[in-house]
Amino acid sequence: MLDFEISILAIILAVISNGVIGALWYSPLLFGNRWISAMGKKKEDFDKSGANIGYMLTMIAAIITALTLTFFINMMEVVTIGGGALIGFLAGLGIAAMRELSPTFFEGRNITLYLISISYHIFSLTVMGMIIAYFY
């Protein structure tokens, strides 16, 4: 049986970092305009009434992701921020990005959307891993 503690503060900060990174990533400041264009849409095409559900689902996913990263970091006994960053990076590249690769090609998804999405996941998971490792 695995026995480890979960830092609630680390989970909260990791979830917040995921939200902040996502807000910046998909804003006009970074990749928002390219993302909208790659979908073949305009900013006006988005229905803001459904945004709250999207944000809620993103937050729930971030909580589960932070708990999973906590499990990986504890299981591997990572005690450095760099080690946490590596686990987060590997989870982003090796799991999140690779799981989206097949559907991107088989479903004819836009490669630009894929690249924007996976780079967000890789970066966000790397930061989340650093935060969680800091509190380990």
C-alpha atoms as a PDB file:
ATOM      1  CA  MET A   1       0.000   0.000   0.000  1.00  0.00           C
ATOM      2  CA  LEU A   2       1.249   3.438  -0.873  1.00  0.00           C
ATOM      3  CA  ASP A   3       1.325   5.865   1.992  1.00  0.00           C
ATOM      4  CA  PHE A   4       1.839   9.549   1.321  1.00  0.00           C
ATOM      5  CA  GLU A   5       0.492  12.930   2.263  1.00  0.00           C
ATOM      6  CA  ILE A   6      -1.269  15.311  -0.049  1.00  0.00           C
ATOM      7  CA  SER A   7      -0.559  19.015   0.344  1.00  0.00           C
ATOM      8  CA  ILE A   8      -3.873  20.780  -0.123  1.00  0.00           C
ATOM      9  CA  LEU A   9      -1.981  24.051  -0.643  1.00  0.00           C
ATOM     10  CA  ALA A  10       0.072  22.461  -3.443  1.00  0.00           C
ATOM     11  CA  ILE A  11      -3.094  21.158  -5.110  1.00  0.00           C
ATOM     12  CA  ILE A  12      -4.795  24.554  -4.856  1.00  0.00           C
ATOM     13  CA  LEU A  13      -1.763  26.404  -6.238  1.00  0.00           C
ATOM     14  CA  ALA A  14      -1.313  23.873  -9.041  1.00  0.00           C
ATOM     15  CA  VAL A  15      -4.984  24.210 -10.029  1.00  0.00           C
ATOM     16  CA  ILE A  16      -4.736  28.014  -9.953  1.00  0.00           C
ATOM     17  CA  SER A  17      -1.558  27.918 -12.062  1.00  0.00           C
ATOM     18  CA  ASN A  18      -3.328  25.723 -14.612  1.00  0.00           C
ATOM     19  CA  GLY A  19      -6.161  28.256 -14.852  1.00  0.00           C
ATOM     20  CA  VAL A  20      -3.864  31.260 -15.127  1.00  0.00           C
ATOM     21  CA  ILE A  21      -1.708  29.577 -17.778  1.00  0.00           C
ATOM     22  CA  GLY A  22      -4.811  28.561 -19.725  1.00  0.00           C
ATOM     23  CA  ALA A  23      -6.262  32.069 -19.538  1.00  0.00           C
ATOM     24  CA  LEU A  24      -3.023  33.532 -20.871  1.00  0.00           C
ATOM     25  CA  TRP A  25      -2.415  30.757 -23.429  1.00  0.00           C
ATOM     26  CA  TYR A  26      -5.799  31.180 -25.070  1.00  0.00           C
ATOM     27  CA  SER A  27      -5.834  34.981 -24.807  1.00  0.00           C
ATOM     28  CA  PRO A  28      -4.923  37.361 -27.637  1.00  0.00           C
ATOM     29  CA  LEU A  29      -1.694  38.009 -25.724  1.00  0.00           C
ATOM     30  CA  LEU A  30      -0.390  34.548 -26.661  1.00  0.00           C
ATOM     31  CA  PHE A  31      -2.237  32.079 -28.913  1.00  0.00           C
ATOM     32  CA  GLY A  32      -5.905  33.079 -28.676  1.00  0.00           C
ATOM     33  CA  ASN A  33      -6.146  34.699 -32.083  1.00  0.00           C
ATOM     34  CA  ARG A  34      -4.358  31.806 -33.827  1.00  0.00           C
ATOM     35  CA  TRP A  35      -6.516  29.316 -31.934  1.00  0.00           C
ATOM     36  CA  ILE A  36      -9.754  31.031 -32.995  1.00  0.00           C
ATOM     37  CA  SER A  37      -8.523  31.360 -36.578  1.00  0.00           C
ATOM     38  CA  ALA A  38      -7.460  27.694 -36.728  1.00  0.00           C
ATOM     39  CA  MET A  39     -11.012  26.730 -35.761  1.00  0.00           C
ATOM     40  CA  GLY A  40     -12.309  28.813 -38.644  1.00  0.00           C
ATOM     41  CA  LYS A  41     -14.256  31.029 -36.277  1.00  0.00           C
ATOM     42  CA  LYS A  42     -14.403  34.617 -35.121  1.00  0.00           C
ATOM     43  CA  LYS A  43     -14.458  35.838 -31.553  1.00  0.00           C
ATOM     44  CA  GLU A  44     -18.134  36.714 -31.965  1.00  0.00           C
ATOM     45  CA  ASP A  45     -18.964  33.087 -32.812  1.00  0.00           C
ATOM     46  CA  PHE A  46     -18.380  31.911 -29.254  1.00  0.00           C
ATOM     47  CA  ASP A  47     -21.394  31.494 -27.003  1.00  0.00           C
ATOM     48  CA  LYS A  48     -20.304  32.950 -23.671  1.00  0.00           C
ATOM     49  CA  SER A  49     -23.281  31.403 -21.862  1.00  0.00           C
ATOM     50  CA  GLY A  50     -21.636  27.969 -21.916  1.00  0.00           C
ATOM     51  CA  ALA A  51     -18.258  29.223 -20.716  1.00  0.00           C
ATOM     52  CA  ASN A  52     -18.982  28.573 -17.029  1.00  0.00           C
ATOM     53  CA  ILE A  53     -19.471  24.861 -17.680  1.00  0.00           C
ATOM     54  CA  GLY A  54     -16.195  24.779 -19.609  1.00  0.00           C
ATOM     55  CA  TYR A  55     -14.341  26.545 -16.796  1.00  0.00           C
ATOM     56  CA  MET A  56     -15.872  24.216 -14.207  1.00  0.00           C
ATOM     57  CA  LEU A  57     -14.872  21.111 -16.192  1.00  0.00           C
ATOM     58  CA  THR A  58     -11.380  22.529 -16.657  1.00  0.00           C
ATOM     59  CA  MET A  59     -11.080  23.090 -12.904  1.00  0.00           C
ATOM     60  CA  ILE A  60     -12.265  19.565 -12.085  1.00  0.00           C
ATOM     61  CA  ALA A  61      -9.801  18.153 -14.616  1.00  0.00           C
ATOM     62  CA  ALA A  62      -7.015  20.280 -13.083  1.00  0.00           C
ATOM     63  CA  ILE A  63      -7.805  18.960  -9.591  1.00  0.00           C
ATOM     64  CA  ILE A  64      -7.671  15.359 -10.804  1.00  0.00           C
ATOM     65  CA  THR A  65      -4.479  16.102 -12.739  1.00  0.00           C
ATOM     66  CA  ALA A  66      -2.846  17.719  -9.700  1.00  0.00           C
ATOM     67  CA  LEU A  67      -3.766  14.719  -7.545  1.00  0.00           C
ATOM     68  CA  THR A  68      -2.360  12.361 -10.186  1.00  0.00           C
ATOM     69  CA  LEU A  69       0.885  14.335 -10.413  1.00  0.00           C
ATOM     70  CA  THR A  70       1.068  14.287  -6.606  1.00  0.00           C
ATOM     71  CA  PHE A  71       0.774  10.508  -6.727  1.00  0.00           C
ATOM     72  CA  PHE A  72       3.545  10.227  -9.359  1.00  0.00           C
ATOM     73  CA  ILE A  73       5.846  12.627  -7.518  1.00  0.00           C
ATOM     74  CA  ASN A  74       5.323  10.858  -4.187  1.00  0.00           C
ATOM     75  CA  MET A  75       5.676   7.413  -5.725  1.00  0.00           C
ATOM     76  CA  MET A  76       8.966   8.367  -7.364  1.00  0.00           C
ATOM     77  CA  GLU A  77      10.095  10.275  -4.266  1.00  0.00           C
ATOM     78  CA  VAL A  78      10.952  13.357  -6.275  1.00  0.00           C
ATOM     79  CA  VAL A  79      12.342  15.940  -3.889  1.00  0.00           C
ATOM     80  CA  THR A  80      13.408  18.738  -6.225  1.00  0.00           C
ATOM     81  CA  ILE A  81      11.512  21.328  -8.203  1.00  0.00           C
ATOM     82  CA  GLY A  82      13.458  20.211 -11.279  1.00  0.00           C
ATOM     83  CA  GLY A  83      12.339  16.632 -10.716  1.00  0.00           C
ATOM     84  CA  GLY A  84       8.731  17.776 -10.416  1.00  0.00           C
ATOM     85  CA  ALA A  85       9.126  19.770 -13.622  1.00  0.00           C
ATOM     86  CA  LEU A  86      10.489  16.679 -15.370  1.00  0.00           C
ATOM     87  CA  ILE A  87       7.574  14.501 -14.233  1.00  0.00           C
ATOM     88  CA  GLY A  88       5.092  17.183 -15.314  1.00  0.00           C
ATOM     89  CA  PHE A  89       6.851  17.614 -18.655  1.00  0.00           C
ATOM     90  CA  LEU A  90       6.908  13.865 -19.291  1.00  0.00           C
ATOM     91  CA  ALA A  91       3.236  13.576 -18.359  1.00  0.00           C
ATOM     92  CA  GLY A  92       2.449  16.394 -20.781  1.00  0.00           C
ATOM     93  CA  LEU A  93       4.559  15.116 -23.652  1.00  0.00           C
ATOM     94  CA  GLY A  94       4.327  11.387 -23.089  1.00  0.00           C
ATOM     95  CA  ILE A  95       0.685  11.133 -22.069  1.00  0.00           C
ATOM     96  CA  ALA A  96      -1.384  14.235 -22.922  1.00  0.00           C
ATOM     97  CA  ALA A  97       0.259  15.060 -26.252  1.00  0.00           C
ATOM     98  CA  MET A  98       0.538  11.483 -27.456  1.00  0.00           C
ATOM     99  CA  ARG A  99      -3.081  10.636 -26.550  1.00  0.00           C
ATOM    100  CA  GLU A 100      -4.250  13.497 -28.795  1.00  0.00           C
ATOM    101  CA  LEU A 101      -2.017  12.562 -31.722  1.00  0.00           C
ATOM    102  CA  SER A 102      -4.099   9.735 -33.215  1.00  0.00           C
ATOM    103  CA  PRO A 103      -7.471  11.509 -33.035  1.00  0.00           C
ATOM    104  CA  THR A 104      -5.878  14.593 -34.561  1.00  0.00           C
ATOM    105  CA  PHE A 105      -4.948  12.672 -37.678  1.00  0.00           C
ATOM    106  CA  PHE A 106      -7.759  10.108 -37.865  1.00  0.00           C
ATOM    107  CA  GLU A 107     -10.452  12.747 -37.310  1.00  0.00           C
ATOM    108  CA  GLY A 108      -8.789  15.287 -39.578  1.00  0.00           C
ATOM    109  CA  ARG A 109      -8.308  17.824 -36.803  1.00  0.00           C
ATOM    110  CA  ASN A 110      -6.357  20.973 -37.497  1.00  0.00           C
ATOM    111  CA  ILE A 111      -2.639  20.523 -36.711  1.00  0.00           C
ATOM    112  CA  THR A 112      -2.399  24.110 -35.453  1.00  0.00           C
ATOM    113  CA  LEU A 113      -5.082  23.395 -32.842  1.00  0.00           C
ATOM    114  CA  TYR A 114      -3.188  20.257 -31.831  1.00  0.00           C
ATOM    115  CA  LEU A 115       0.077  22.158 -31.403  1.00  0.00           C
ATOM    116  CA  ILE A 116      -1.522  24.978 -29.406  1.00  0.00           C
ATOM    117  CA  SER A 117      -3.343  22.491 -27.181  1.00  0.00           C
ATOM    118  CA  ILE A 118      -0.451  20.142 -26.482  1.00  0.00           C
ATOM    119  CA  SER A 119       2.012  22.953 -25.856  1.00  0.00           C
ATOM    120  CA  TYR A 120      -0.435  24.324 -23.267  1.00  0.00           C
ATOM    121  CA  HIS A 121      -0.729  20.919 -21.600  1.00  0.00           C
ATOM    122  CA  ILE A 122       3.018  20.333 -21.599  1.00  0.00           C
ATOM    123  CA  PHE A 123       3.765  23.773 -20.157  1.00  0.00           C
ATOM    124  CA  SER A 124       0.952  23.673 -17.603  1.00  0.00           C
ATOM    125  CA  LEU A 125       1.804  20.161 -16.389  1.00  0.00           C
ATOM    126  CA  THR A 126       5.460  21.153 -16.064  1.00  0.00           C
ATOM    127  CA  VAL A 127       4.544  24.112 -13.852  1.00  0.00           C
ATOM    128  CA  MET A 128       2.066  22.023 -11.858  1.00  0.00           C
ATOM    129  CA  GLY A 129       4.777  19.400 -11.284  1.00  0.00           C
ATOM    130  CA  MET A 130       7.171  22.080 -10.025  1.00  0.00           C
ATOM    131  CA  ILE A 131       4.595  23.437  -7.574  1.00  0.00           C
ATOM    132  CA  ILE A 132       3.674  20.010  -6.234  1.00  0.00           C
ATOM    133  CA  ALA A 133       7.329  18.952  -5.869  1.00  0.00           C
ATOM    134  CA  TYR A 134       8.077  22.163  -3.973  1.00  0.00           C
ATOM    135  CA  PHE A 135       5.607  21.102  -1.280  1.00  0.00           C
ATOM    136  CA  TYR A 136       6.727  17.444  -1.197  1.00  0.00           C
END
